[in-house]
Amino acid sequence: MATRDIYESGFDEDVRTESSANQCPECDGRVTTNAVETVCEDCGLVIDEQRIDHGPEWRAYDDEERERTGAPLTAARHDRGLSTEIGRGTDAKGNEIAGQKRRRLARMRREQTRGRWRSKAERNLAHGLGEVRRLASALDLSDSVRDQACQLFRSAQNEDLLRGRSIEAIAAASVYGACRCNGLSRLVDDVSEMARVAESRVTNAYKTLNEELGLPAEPVSPSMFVPRLASDLECPDEIRQRARALAEQAEERGVTTGVHPAGFAAACLYKAGREEGRWLTQSEAADVANASKATVRAHRDTLEERVA
């Protein structure tokens, strides 16, 4: 007899018959299990139900539109985004809520706020991450940079670097450190202005993060600031390209070592504008770079002496 005549060639994945050891506790009948429940075939007793759904985690009203059932985990919130928020005024369908129910929801919201944080450290973490999100939004940073800054703030708290320092300063330093690690042209005063914290406190906090956590931050070059300053000054492409070439040549010859990168980039734009016939003033170039006119003149002279 052939093997195919002995063994079955197919089976149903949703329904399978258990072994004789698993019998019905009522009538000792045969028990079968499908994708939903475990049932006795003889007496119909439901032994187990509501099993784990191993299907996809989205709900689809249309094959082209699939909506996931929840937001993914995020490092931008202290609880990874798993907490719930109690709304105000309207229900999930947008209908107005009666006054008695609104008062009940207000009491529930108050109790939820009181029990949201298990410790003072978690409260500080929530406050710091909220400040990081605000700064990232004010500086128009991407979500990936924002998440890196939030993770940097978490690392600073885990290393006990918040002791004796302002939470706002550490949050601003985390945002600046994430920008430096990603090669973004952001100055310390840009971040401190949005953070409403003194530049010296942000600078000291960033030095602490850089020393204690070993940030992979690369030195900022003037060529990185040329596109941003050119956009602020509304310079044409010819001036921007010429200024970028001047900055790159100066970097290759080692002229930009130890200089203010934004000020040097402003000097490159000023010199390129004069060469192209646009009378860009030193005051305009210095204002967008947050530098002095003397700095722009000094770097302009260095470009004329050392760079063609």
C-alpha atoms as a PDB file:
ATOM      1  CA  MET A   1       0.000   0.000   0.000  1.00  0.00           C
ATOM      2  CA  ALA A   2       1.291   3.448  -0.897  1.00  0.00           C
ATOM      3  CA  THR A   3       2.182   5.937   1.789  1.00  0.00           C
ATOM      4  CA  ARG A   4      -0.321   8.486   0.458  1.00  0.00           C
ATOM      5  CA  ASP A   5      -3.108   5.983   1.150  1.00  0.00           C
ATOM      6  CA  ILE A   6      -2.107   5.738   4.820  1.00  0.00           C
ATOM      7  CA  TYR A   7      -1.595   9.383   5.785  1.00  0.00           C
ATOM      8  CA  GLU A   8      -3.904  12.259   5.080  1.00  0.00           C
ATOM      9  CA  SER A   9      -2.533  14.733   2.574  1.00  0.00           C
ATOM     10  CA  GLY A  10      -4.243  17.846   3.992  1.00  0.00           C
ATOM     11  CA  PHE A  11      -5.681  19.337   7.162  1.00  0.00           C
ATOM     12  CA  ASP A  12      -7.667  22.332   8.324  1.00  0.00           C
ATOM     13  CA  GLU A  13      -5.550  24.844  10.252  1.00  0.00           C
ATOM     14  CA  ASP A  14      -8.560  26.375  12.003  1.00  0.00           C
ATOM     15  CA  VAL A  15      -9.943  23.107  13.395  1.00  0.00           C
ATOM     16  CA  ARG A  16      -7.843  20.359  14.875  1.00  0.00           C
ATOM     17  CA  THR A  17      -8.722  17.382  17.091  1.00  0.00           C
ATOM     18  CA  GLU A  18      -6.883  17.120  20.344  1.00  0.00           C
ATOM     19  CA  SER A  19      -5.437  13.914  21.708  1.00  0.00           C
ATOM     20  CA  SER A  20      -7.491  11.581  23.857  1.00  0.00           C
ATOM     21  CA  ALA A  21      -5.739  12.926  26.972  1.00  0.00           C
ATOM     22  CA  ASN A  22      -7.672  16.185  26.617  1.00  0.00           C
ATOM     23  CA  GLN A  23     -11.210  15.153  27.389  1.00  0.00           C
ATOM     24  CA  CYS A  24     -14.311  17.079  28.324  1.00  0.00           C
ATOM     25  CA  PRO A  25     -14.517  17.579  32.107  1.00  0.00           C
ATOM     26  CA  GLU A  26     -18.281  16.959  32.021  1.00  0.00           C
ATOM     27  CA  CYS A  27     -18.852  13.952  29.757  1.00  0.00           C
ATOM     28  CA  ASP A  28     -15.319  12.783  28.897  1.00  0.00           C
ATOM     29  CA  GLY A  29     -16.126  13.501  25.253  1.00  0.00           C
ATOM     30  CA  ARG A  30     -13.800  14.499  22.459  1.00  0.00           C
ATOM     31  CA  VAL A  31     -12.558  18.085  22.564  1.00  0.00           C
ATOM     32  CA  THR A  32     -11.708  20.162  19.492  1.00  0.00           C
ATOM     33  CA  THR A  33     -10.087  23.563  19.282  1.00  0.00           C
ATOM     34  CA  ASN A  34     -10.530  26.129  16.539  1.00  0.00           C
ATOM     35  CA  ALA A  35      -9.272  29.668  16.161  1.00  0.00           C
ATOM     36  CA  VAL A  36     -11.838  31.050  18.614  1.00  0.00           C
ATOM     37  CA  GLU A  37     -12.783  28.520  21.272  1.00  0.00           C
ATOM     38  CA  THR A  38     -12.357  25.008  22.634  1.00  0.00           C
ATOM     39  CA  VAL A  39     -15.589  22.962  22.491  1.00  0.00           C
ATOM     40  CA  CYS A  40     -16.676  19.462  23.411  1.00  0.00           C
ATOM     41  CA  GLU A  41     -18.146  17.746  20.335  1.00  0.00           C
ATOM     42  CA  ASP A  42     -20.435  15.501  22.374  1.00  0.00           C
ATOM     43  CA  CYS A  43     -22.140  17.833  24.878  1.00  0.00           C
ATOM     44  CA  GLY A  44     -21.248  21.190  23.358  1.00  0.00           C
ATOM     45  CA  LEU A  45     -19.542  22.558  26.486  1.00  0.00           C
ATOM     46  CA  VAL A  46     -17.360  25.606  25.739  1.00  0.00           C
ATOM     47  CA  ILE A  47     -14.198  24.965  27.712  1.00  0.00           C
ATOM     48  CA  ASP A  48     -12.114  27.965  26.576  1.00  0.00           C
ATOM     49  CA  GLU A  49     -12.916  31.083  24.569  1.00  0.00           C
ATOM     50  CA  GLN A  50     -11.566  34.494  23.632  1.00  0.00           C
ATOM     51  CA  ARG A  51      -8.188  33.263  22.587  1.00  0.00           C
ATOM     52  CA  ILE A  52      -5.425  35.611  21.460  1.00  0.00           C
ATOM     53  CA  ASP A  53      -6.050  37.048  18.022  1.00  0.00           C
ATOM     54  CA  HIS A  54      -2.985  36.396  15.895  1.00  0.00           C
ATOM     55  CA  GLY A  55      -4.357  38.334  12.935  1.00  0.00           C
ATOM     56  CA  PRO A  56      -3.185  41.725  11.646  1.00  0.00           C
ATOM     57  CA  GLU A  57      -3.234  44.634  14.089  1.00  0.00           C
ATOM     58  CA  TRP A  58      -5.114  47.045  11.846  1.00  0.00           C
ATOM     59  CA  ARG A  59      -8.746  47.552  11.036  1.00  0.00           C
ATOM     60  CA  ALA A  60      -9.503  48.063   7.374  1.00  0.00           C
ATOM     61  CA  TYR A  61     -12.714  49.456   5.976  1.00  0.00           C
ATOM     62  CA  ASP A  62     -11.117  49.515   2.561  1.00  0.00           C
ATOM     63  CA  ASP A  63      -8.283  47.499   1.056  1.00  0.00           C
ATOM     64  CA  GLU A  64      -6.444  50.717   0.223  1.00  0.00           C
ATOM     65  CA  GLU A  65      -6.940  52.355   3.633  1.00  0.00           C
ATOM     66  CA  ARG A  66      -5.566  50.464   6.609  1.00  0.00           C
ATOM     67  CA  GLU A  67      -5.551  52.177   9.951  1.00  0.00           C
ATOM     68  CA  ARG A  68      -3.456  50.807  12.783  1.00  0.00           C
ATOM     69  CA  THR A  69      -5.171  50.385  16.111  1.00  0.00           C
ATOM     70  CA  GLY A  70      -2.715  52.525  18.060  1.00  0.00           C
ATOM     71  CA  ALA A  71       0.266  54.825  17.831  1.00  0.00           C
ATOM     72  CA  PRO A  72       3.753  53.273  18.006  1.00  0.00           C
ATOM     73  CA  LEU A  73       6.001  53.641  21.010  1.00  0.00           C
ATOM     74  CA  THR A  74       7.908  56.910  21.114  1.00  0.00           C
ATOM     75  CA  ALA A  75      10.856  58.146  23.143  1.00  0.00           C
ATOM     76  CA  ALA A  76       9.425  61.672  23.173  1.00  0.00           C
ATOM     77  CA  ARG A  77       7.140  60.938  26.146  1.00  0.00           C
ATOM     78  CA  HIS A  78       8.010  59.751  29.607  1.00  0.00           C
ATOM     79  CA  ASP A  79       5.670  56.727  29.380  1.00  0.00           C
ATOM     80  CA  ARG A  80       6.625  55.875  25.775  1.00  0.00           C
ATOM     81  CA  GLY A  81       3.192  57.097  24.650  1.00  0.00           C
ATOM     82  CA  LEU A  82       1.192  54.340  26.402  1.00  0.00           C
ATOM     83  CA  SER A  83      -0.894  56.556  28.682  1.00  0.00           C
ATOM     84  CA  THR A  84      -4.417  57.657  27.843  1.00  0.00           C
ATOM     85  CA  GLU A  85      -5.703  61.200  27.583  1.00  0.00           C
ATOM     86  CA  ILE A  86      -9.153  62.225  28.823  1.00  0.00           C
ATOM     87  CA  GLY A  87     -10.732  64.654  26.408  1.00  0.00           C
ATOM     88  CA  ARG A  88     -12.588  67.869  27.122  1.00  0.00           C
ATOM     89  CA  GLY A  89     -16.047  68.992  26.090  1.00  0.00           C
ATOM     90  CA  THR A  90     -16.869  66.426  23.385  1.00  0.00           C
ATOM     91  CA  ASP A  91     -16.950  62.667  23.108  1.00  0.00           C
ATOM     92  CA  ALA A  92     -15.193  60.479  20.541  1.00  0.00           C
ATOM     93  CA  LYS A  93     -17.843  61.272  17.910  1.00  0.00           C
ATOM     94  CA  GLY A  94     -17.641  65.031  18.437  1.00  0.00           C
ATOM     95  CA  ASN A  95     -20.921  65.357  20.310  1.00  0.00           C
ATOM     96  CA  GLU A  96     -21.283  67.736  23.230  1.00  0.00           C
ATOM     97  CA  ILE A  97     -21.077  66.192  26.703  1.00  0.00           C
ATOM     98  CA  ALA A  98     -23.675  67.022  29.335  1.00  0.00           C
ATOM     99  CA  GLY A  99     -22.680  69.164  32.307  1.00  0.00           C
ATOM    100  CA  GLN A 100     -22.868  66.374  34.885  1.00  0.00           C
ATOM    101  CA  LYS A 101     -20.686  64.100  32.764  1.00  0.00           C
ATOM    102  CA  ARG A 102     -18.228  66.942  32.124  1.00  0.00           C
ATOM    103  CA  ARG A 103     -17.798  67.427  35.847  1.00  0.00           C
ATOM    104  CA  ARG A 104     -17.241  63.705  36.309  1.00  0.00           C
ATOM    105  CA  LEU A 105     -14.631  63.698  33.552  1.00  0.00           C
ATOM    106  CA  ALA A 106     -12.933  66.702  35.150  1.00  0.00           C
ATOM    107  CA  ARG A 107     -12.612  64.792  38.434  1.00  0.00           C
ATOM    108  CA  MET A 108     -11.274  61.768  36.567  1.00  0.00           C
ATOM    109  CA  ARG A 109      -8.786  63.979  34.720  1.00  0.00           C
ATOM    110  CA  ARG A 110      -7.595  65.483  37.995  1.00  0.00           C
ATOM    111  CA  GLU A 111      -7.085  62.080  39.598  1.00  0.00           C
ATOM    112  CA  GLN A 112      -5.291  60.829  36.499  1.00  0.00           C
ATOM    113  CA  THR A 113      -2.944  63.819  36.633  1.00  0.00           C
ATOM    114  CA  ARG A 114      -2.180  63.124  40.279  1.00  0.00           C
ATOM    115  CA  GLY A 115      -1.415  59.454  39.675  1.00  0.00           C
ATOM    116  CA  ARG A 116       0.432  59.819  36.397  1.00  0.00           C
ATOM    117  CA  TRP A 117       3.894  60.076  37.909  1.00  0.00           C
ATOM    118  CA  ARG A 118       5.189  57.474  40.300  1.00  0.00           C
ATOM    119  CA  SER A 119       8.124  59.551  41.509  1.00  0.00           C
ATOM    120  CA  LYS A 120       9.623  63.004  41.321  1.00  0.00           C
ATOM    121  CA  ALA A 121      12.210  61.746  38.834  1.00  0.00           C
ATOM    122  CA  GLU A 122       9.443  60.664  36.476  1.00  0.00           C
ATOM    123  CA  ARG A 123       7.790  64.066  36.871  1.00  0.00           C
ATOM    124  CA  ASN A 124      11.080  65.781  35.966  1.00  0.00           C
ATOM    125  CA  LEU A 125      11.440  63.475  32.986  1.00  0.00           C
ATOM    126  CA  ALA A 126       7.974  64.390  31.739  1.00  0.00           C
ATOM    127  CA  HIS A 127       8.718  68.104  32.143  1.00  0.00           C
ATOM    128  CA  GLY A 128      12.082  67.821  30.387  1.00  0.00           C
ATOM    129  CA  LEU A 129      10.748  65.811  27.462  1.00  0.00           C
ATOM    130  CA  GLY A 130       7.922  68.316  27.051  1.00  0.00           C
ATOM    131  CA  GLU A 131      10.513  71.100  26.841  1.00  0.00           C
ATOM    132  CA  VAL A 132      12.505  69.129  24.273  1.00  0.00           C
ATOM    133  CA  ARG A 133       9.399  68.643  22.128  1.00  0.00           C
ATOM    134  CA  ARG A 134       8.617  72.357  22.338  1.00  0.00           C
ATOM    135  CA  LEU A 135      12.145  73.347  21.280  1.00  0.00           C
ATOM    136  CA  ALA A 136      12.168  70.843  18.427  1.00  0.00           C
ATOM    137  CA  SER A 137       8.891  72.260  17.158  1.00  0.00           C
ATOM    138  CA  ALA A 138      10.119  75.868  17.466  1.00  0.00           C
ATOM    139  CA  LEU A 139      13.336  75.061  15.579  1.00  0.00           C
ATOM    140  CA  ASP A 140      11.524  73.040  12.868  1.00  0.00           C
ATOM    141  CA  LEU A 141      13.509  69.881  13.596  1.00  0.00           C
ATOM    142  CA  SER A 142      12.550  66.492  12.215  1.00  0.00           C
ATOM    143  CA  ASP A 143      10.983  63.758  14.318  1.00  0.00           C
ATOM    144  CA  SER A 144      14.163  61.669  14.234  1.00  0.00           C
ATOM    145  CA  VAL A 145      16.264  64.530  15.644  1.00  0.00           C
ATOM    146  CA  ARG A 146      13.572  65.208  18.254  1.00  0.00           C
ATOM    147  CA  ASP A 147      13.605  61.557  19.359  1.00  0.00           C
ATOM    148  CA  GLN A 148      17.404  61.604  19.572  1.00  0.00           C
ATOM    149  CA  ALA A 149      17.252  64.704  21.757  1.00  0.00           C
ATOM    150  CA  CYS A 150      14.669  63.036  24.014  1.00  0.00           C
ATOM    151  CA  GLN A 151      16.842  59.947  24.322  1.00  0.00           C
ATOM    152  CA  LEU A 152      19.814  62.168  25.148  1.00  0.00           C
ATOM    153  CA  PHE A 153      17.804  63.818  27.933  1.00  0.00           C
ATOM    154  CA  ARG A 154      16.898  60.366  29.285  1.00  0.00           C
ATOM    155  CA  SER A 155      20.575  59.386  29.306  1.00  0.00           C
ATOM    156  CA  ALA A 156      21.457  62.596  31.138  1.00  0.00           C
ATOM    157  CA  GLN A 157      18.887  61.834  33.831  1.00  0.00           C
ATOM    158  CA  ASN A 158      20.035  58.229  34.146  1.00  0.00           C
ATOM    159  CA  GLU A 159      23.619  59.443  34.660  1.00  0.00           C
ATOM    160  CA  ASP A 160      22.392  61.861  37.368  1.00  0.00           C
ATOM    161  CA  LEU A 161      23.481  64.926  35.390  1.00  0.00           C
ATOM    162  CA  LEU A 162      20.353  66.909  36.293  1.00  0.00           C
ATOM    163  CA  ARG A 163      21.416  67.351  39.888  1.00  0.00           C
ATOM    164  CA  GLY A 164      22.154  71.014  40.526  1.00  0.00           C
ATOM    165  CA  ARG A 165      21.269  72.030  36.951  1.00  0.00           C
ATOM    166  CA  SER A 166      18.190  73.481  35.340  1.00  0.00           C
ATOM    167  CA  ILE A 167      15.889  71.079  33.514  1.00  0.00           C
ATOM    168  CA  GLU A 168      15.363  73.706  30.790  1.00  0.00           C
ATOM    169  CA  ALA A 169      19.125  74.062  30.303  1.00  0.00           C
ATOM    170  CA  ILE A 170      19.648  70.290  29.999  1.00  0.00           C
ATOM    171  CA  ALA A 171      16.712  70.064  27.575  1.00  0.00           C
ATOM    172  CA  ALA A 172      18.148  72.862  25.424  1.00  0.00           C
ATOM    173  CA  ALA A 173      21.592  71.259  25.558  1.00  0.00           C
ATOM    174  CA  SER A 174      20.069  67.929  24.481  1.00  0.00           C
ATOM    175  CA  VAL A 175      18.455  69.590  21.465  1.00  0.00           C
ATOM    176  CA  TYR A 176      21.695  71.349  20.555  1.00  0.00           C
ATOM    177  CA  GLY A 177      23.672  68.129  21.023  1.00  0.00           C
ATOM    178  CA  ALA A 178      21.285  66.234  18.729  1.00  0.00           C
ATOM    179  CA  CYS A 179      21.699  68.976  16.111  1.00  0.00           C
ATOM    180  CA  ARG A 180      25.497  68.779  16.397  1.00  0.00           C
ATOM    181  CA  CYS A 181      25.486  64.993  16.096  1.00  0.00           C
ATOM    182  CA  ASN A 182      23.363  65.207  12.928  1.00  0.00           C
ATOM    183  CA  GLY A 183      25.411  68.005  11.338  1.00  0.00           C
ATOM    184  CA  LEU A 184      22.649  70.633  11.479  1.00  0.00           C
ATOM    185  CA  SER A 185      23.544  74.325  11.349  1.00  0.00           C
ATOM    186  CA  ARG A 186      22.168  75.481  14.680  1.00  0.00           C
ATOM    187  CA  LEU A 187      23.939  77.856  17.058  1.00  0.00           C
ATOM    188  CA  VAL A 188      23.797  77.780  20.829  1.00  0.00           C
ATOM    189  CA  ASP A 189      22.148  81.194  20.937  1.00  0.00           C
ATOM    190  CA  ASP A 190      19.450  79.980  18.511  1.00  0.00           C
ATOM    191  CA  VAL A 191      18.506  77.210  20.923  1.00  0.00           C
ATOM    192  CA  SER A 192      18.880  79.331  24.044  1.00  0.00           C
ATOM    193  CA  GLU A 193      16.674  82.064  22.569  1.00  0.00           C
ATOM    194  CA  MET A 194      13.861  79.570  22.031  1.00  0.00           C
ATOM    195  CA  ALA A 195      14.486  77.986  25.427  1.00  0.00           C
ATOM    196  CA  ARG A 196      14.406  81.302  27.304  1.00  0.00           C
ATOM    197  CA  VAL A 197      17.592  80.257  29.087  1.00  0.00           C
ATOM    198  CA  ALA A 198      20.853  82.151  29.198  1.00  0.00           C
ATOM    199  CA  GLU A 199      23.357  81.080  26.573  1.00  0.00           C
ATOM    200  CA  SER A 200      26.044  80.475  29.200  1.00  0.00           C
ATOM    201  CA  ARG A 201      23.849  77.937  31.033  1.00  0.00           C
ATOM    202  CA  VAL A 202      23.099  76.058  27.802  1.00  0.00           C
ATOM    203  CA  THR A 203      26.797  76.067  26.896  1.00  0.00           C
ATOM    204  CA  ASN A 204      27.811  74.687  30.308  1.00  0.00           C
ATOM    205  CA  ALA A 205      25.080  72.032  30.127  1.00  0.00           C
ATOM    206  CA  TYR A 206      26.216  70.975  26.642  1.00  0.00           C
ATOM    207  CA  LYS A 207      29.839  70.725  27.811  1.00  0.00           C
ATOM    208  CA  THR A 208      28.695  68.471  30.628  1.00  0.00           C
ATOM    209  CA  LEU A 209      26.727  66.228  28.258  1.00  0.00           C
ATOM    210  CA  ASN A 210      29.625  66.084  25.823  1.00  0.00           C
ATOM    211  CA  GLU A 211      32.151  65.157  28.510  1.00  0.00           C
ATOM    212  CA  GLU A 212      30.053  62.702  30.503  1.00  0.00           C
ATOM    213  CA  LEU A 213      28.191  60.973  27.648  1.00  0.00           C
ATOM    214  CA  GLY A 214      30.846  61.214  24.917  1.00  0.00           C
ATOM    215  CA  LEU A 215      28.677  62.650  22.149  1.00  0.00           C
ATOM    216  CA  PRO A 216      29.794  61.848  18.575  1.00  0.00           C
ATOM    217  CA  ALA A 217      29.597  65.526  17.615  1.00  0.00           C
ATOM    218  CA  GLU A 218      31.759  66.703  14.754  1.00  0.00           C
ATOM    219  CA  PRO A 219      33.225  70.223  14.507  1.00  0.00           C
ATOM    220  CA  VAL A 220      30.899  72.673  12.812  1.00  0.00           C
ATOM    221  CA  SER A 221      32.288  74.067   9.543  1.00  0.00           C
ATOM    222  CA  PRO A 222      31.398  77.453   8.005  1.00  0.00           C
ATOM    223  CA  SER A 223      30.228  75.791   4.787  1.00  0.00           C
ATOM    224  CA  MET A 224      27.350  74.241   6.753  1.00  0.00           C
ATOM    225  CA  PHE A 225      26.006  77.714   7.608  1.00  0.00           C
ATOM    226  CA  VAL A 226      26.221  79.183   4.112  1.00  0.00           C
ATOM    227  CA  PRO A 227      22.871  77.792   2.787  1.00  0.00           C
ATOM    228  CA  ARG A 228      20.991  78.883   5.897  1.00  0.00           C
ATOM    229  CA  LEU A 229      22.409  82.415   5.939  1.00  0.00           C
ATOM    230  CA  ALA A 230      21.911  82.748   2.185  1.00  0.00           C
ATOM    231  CA  SER A 231      18.271  81.814   2.608  1.00  0.00           C
ATOM    232  CA  ASP A 232      17.833  84.415   5.373  1.00  0.00           C
ATOM    233  CA  LEU A 233      19.471  87.089   3.212  1.00  0.00           C
ATOM    234  CA  GLU A 234      17.531  85.988   0.103  1.00  0.00           C
ATOM    235  CA  CYS A 235      20.726  85.721  -1.915  1.00  0.00           C
ATOM    236  CA  PRO A 236      20.595  84.307  -5.460  1.00  0.00           C
ATOM    237  CA  ASP A 237      22.091  80.942  -6.270  1.00  0.00           C
ATOM    238  CA  GLU A 238      25.222  82.449  -7.812  1.00  0.00           C
ATOM    239  CA  ILE A 239      26.203  84.185  -4.594  1.00  0.00           C
ATOM    240  CA  ARG A 240      25.369  81.115  -2.499  1.00  0.00           C
ATOM    241  CA  GLN A 241      27.486  78.811  -4.679  1.00  0.00           C
ATOM    242  CA  ARG A 242      30.413  81.262  -4.715  1.00  0.00           C
ATOM    243  CA  ALA A 243      30.238  81.665  -0.925  1.00  0.00           C
ATOM    244  CA  ARG A 244      30.135  77.887  -0.482  1.00  0.00           C
ATOM    245  CA  ALA A 245      33.225  77.531  -2.667  1.00  0.00           C
ATOM    246  CA  LEU A 246      35.056  80.206  -0.663  1.00  0.00           C
ATOM    247  CA  ALA A 247      34.192  78.490   2.614  1.00  0.00           C
ATOM    248  CA  GLU A 248      35.330  75.085   1.354  1.00  0.00           C
ATOM    249  CA  GLN A 249      38.618  76.495   0.082  1.00  0.00           C
ATOM    250  CA  ALA A 250      39.219  78.184   3.419  1.00  0.00           C
ATOM    251  CA  GLU A 251      38.521  74.912   5.235  1.00  0.00           C
ATOM    252  CA  GLU A 252      40.956  73.027   3.016  1.00  0.00           C
ATOM    253  CA  ARG A 253      43.722  75.554   3.774  1.00  0.00           C
ATOM    254  CA  GLY A 254      43.068  75.457   7.507  1.00  0.00           C
ATOM    255  CA  VAL A 255      41.973  79.068   7.755  1.00  0.00           C
ATOM    256  CA  THR A 256      38.746  78.301   9.638  1.00  0.00           C
ATOM    257  CA  THR A 257      40.366  76.686  12.664  1.00  0.00           C
ATOM    258  CA  GLY A 258      39.084  78.278  15.853  1.00  0.00           C
ATOM    259  CA  VAL A 259      36.836  80.846  14.164  1.00  0.00           C
ATOM    260  CA  HIS A 260      33.149  81.526  14.641  1.00  0.00           C
ATOM    261  CA  PRO A 261      31.589  79.361  11.869  1.00  0.00           C
ATOM    262  CA  ALA A 262      28.508  81.502  11.302  1.00  0.00           C
ATOM    263  CA  GLY A 263      30.569  84.705  11.261  1.00  0.00           C
ATOM    264  CA  PHE A 264      32.985  83.241   8.734  1.00  0.00           C
ATOM    265  CA  ALA A 265      30.083  82.065   6.566  1.00  0.00           C
ATOM    266  CA  ALA A 266      28.652  85.599   6.681  1.00  0.00           C
ATOM    267  CA  ALA A 267      32.009  86.964   5.543  1.00  0.00           C
ATOM    268  CA  CYS A 268      31.995  84.502   2.619  1.00  0.00           C
ATOM    269  CA  LEU A 269      28.525  85.675   1.613  1.00  0.00           C
ATOM    270  CA  TYR A 270      29.568  89.310   1.946  1.00  0.00           C
ATOM    271  CA  LYS A 271      32.643  88.822  -0.251  1.00  0.00           C
ATOM    272  CA  ALA A 272      30.695  86.758  -2.810  1.00  0.00           C
ATOM    273  CA  GLY A 273      28.008  89.425  -2.963  1.00  0.00           C
ATOM    274  CA  ARG A 274      30.541  92.153  -3.613  1.00  0.00           C
ATOM    275  CA  GLU A 275      32.115  90.073  -6.384  1.00  0.00           C
ATOM    276  CA  GLU A 276      28.724  89.496  -8.044  1.00  0.00           C
ATOM    277  CA  GLY A 277      27.823  93.183  -7.869  1.00  0.00           C
ATOM    278  CA  ARG A 278      25.292  92.946  -5.053  1.00  0.00           C
ATOM    279  CA  TRP A 279      26.075  95.475  -2.373  1.00  0.00           C
ATOM    280  CA  LEU A 280      25.414  93.323   0.655  1.00  0.00           C
ATOM    281  CA  THR A 281      26.239  95.366   3.717  1.00  0.00           C
ATOM    282  CA  GLN A 282      28.350  94.152   6.598  1.00  0.00           C
ATOM    283  CA  SER A 283      25.548  94.972   8.994  1.00  0.00           C
ATOM    284  CA  GLU A 284      23.077  92.669   7.164  1.00  0.00           C
ATOM    285  CA  ALA A 285      25.572  89.793   7.065  1.00  0.00           C
ATOM    286  CA  ALA A 286      26.482  90.247  10.729  1.00  0.00           C
ATOM    287  CA  ASP A 287      22.857  90.366  11.900  1.00  0.00           C
ATOM    288  CA  VAL A 288      21.822  87.054  10.333  1.00  0.00           C
ATOM    289  CA  ALA A 289      24.965  85.360  11.704  1.00  0.00           C
ATOM    290  CA  ASN A 290      24.546  86.905  15.167  1.00  0.00           C
ATOM    291  CA  ALA A 291      28.074  88.298  14.923  1.00  0.00           C
ATOM    292  CA  SER A 292      29.652  91.742  14.923  1.00  0.00           C
ATOM    293  CA  LYS A 293      30.617  93.800  11.906  1.00  0.00           C
ATOM    294  CA  ALA A 294      34.239  93.702  13.065  1.00  0.00           C
ATOM    295  CA  THR A 295      34.127  89.865  12.861  1.00  0.00           C
ATOM    296  CA  VAL A 296      32.799  90.004   9.309  1.00  0.00           C
ATOM    297  CA  ARG A 297      35.484  92.518   8.276  1.00  0.00           C
ATOM    298  CA  ALA A 298      38.261  90.466   9.865  1.00  0.00           C
ATOM    299  CA  HIS A 299      37.177  87.272   8.112  1.00  0.00           C
ATOM    300  CA  ARG A 300      36.732  89.191   4.853  1.00  0.00           C
ATOM    301  CA  ASP A 301      40.338  90.346   5.075  1.00  0.00           C
ATOM    302  CA  THR A 302      41.466  86.792   5.782  1.00  0.00           C
ATOM    303  CA  LEU A 303      39.625  85.558   2.683  1.00  0.00           C
ATOM    304  CA  GLU A 304      41.257  88.215   0.508  1.00  0.00           C
ATOM    305  CA  GLU A 305      44.709  87.327   1.821  1.00  0.00           C
ATOM    306  CA  ARG A 306      44.568  83.520   2.017  1.00  0.00           C
ATOM    307  CA  VAL A 307      41.847  82.440  -0.419  1.00  0.00           C
ATOM    308  CA  ALA A 308      41.594  83.260  -4.103  1.00  0.00           C
END
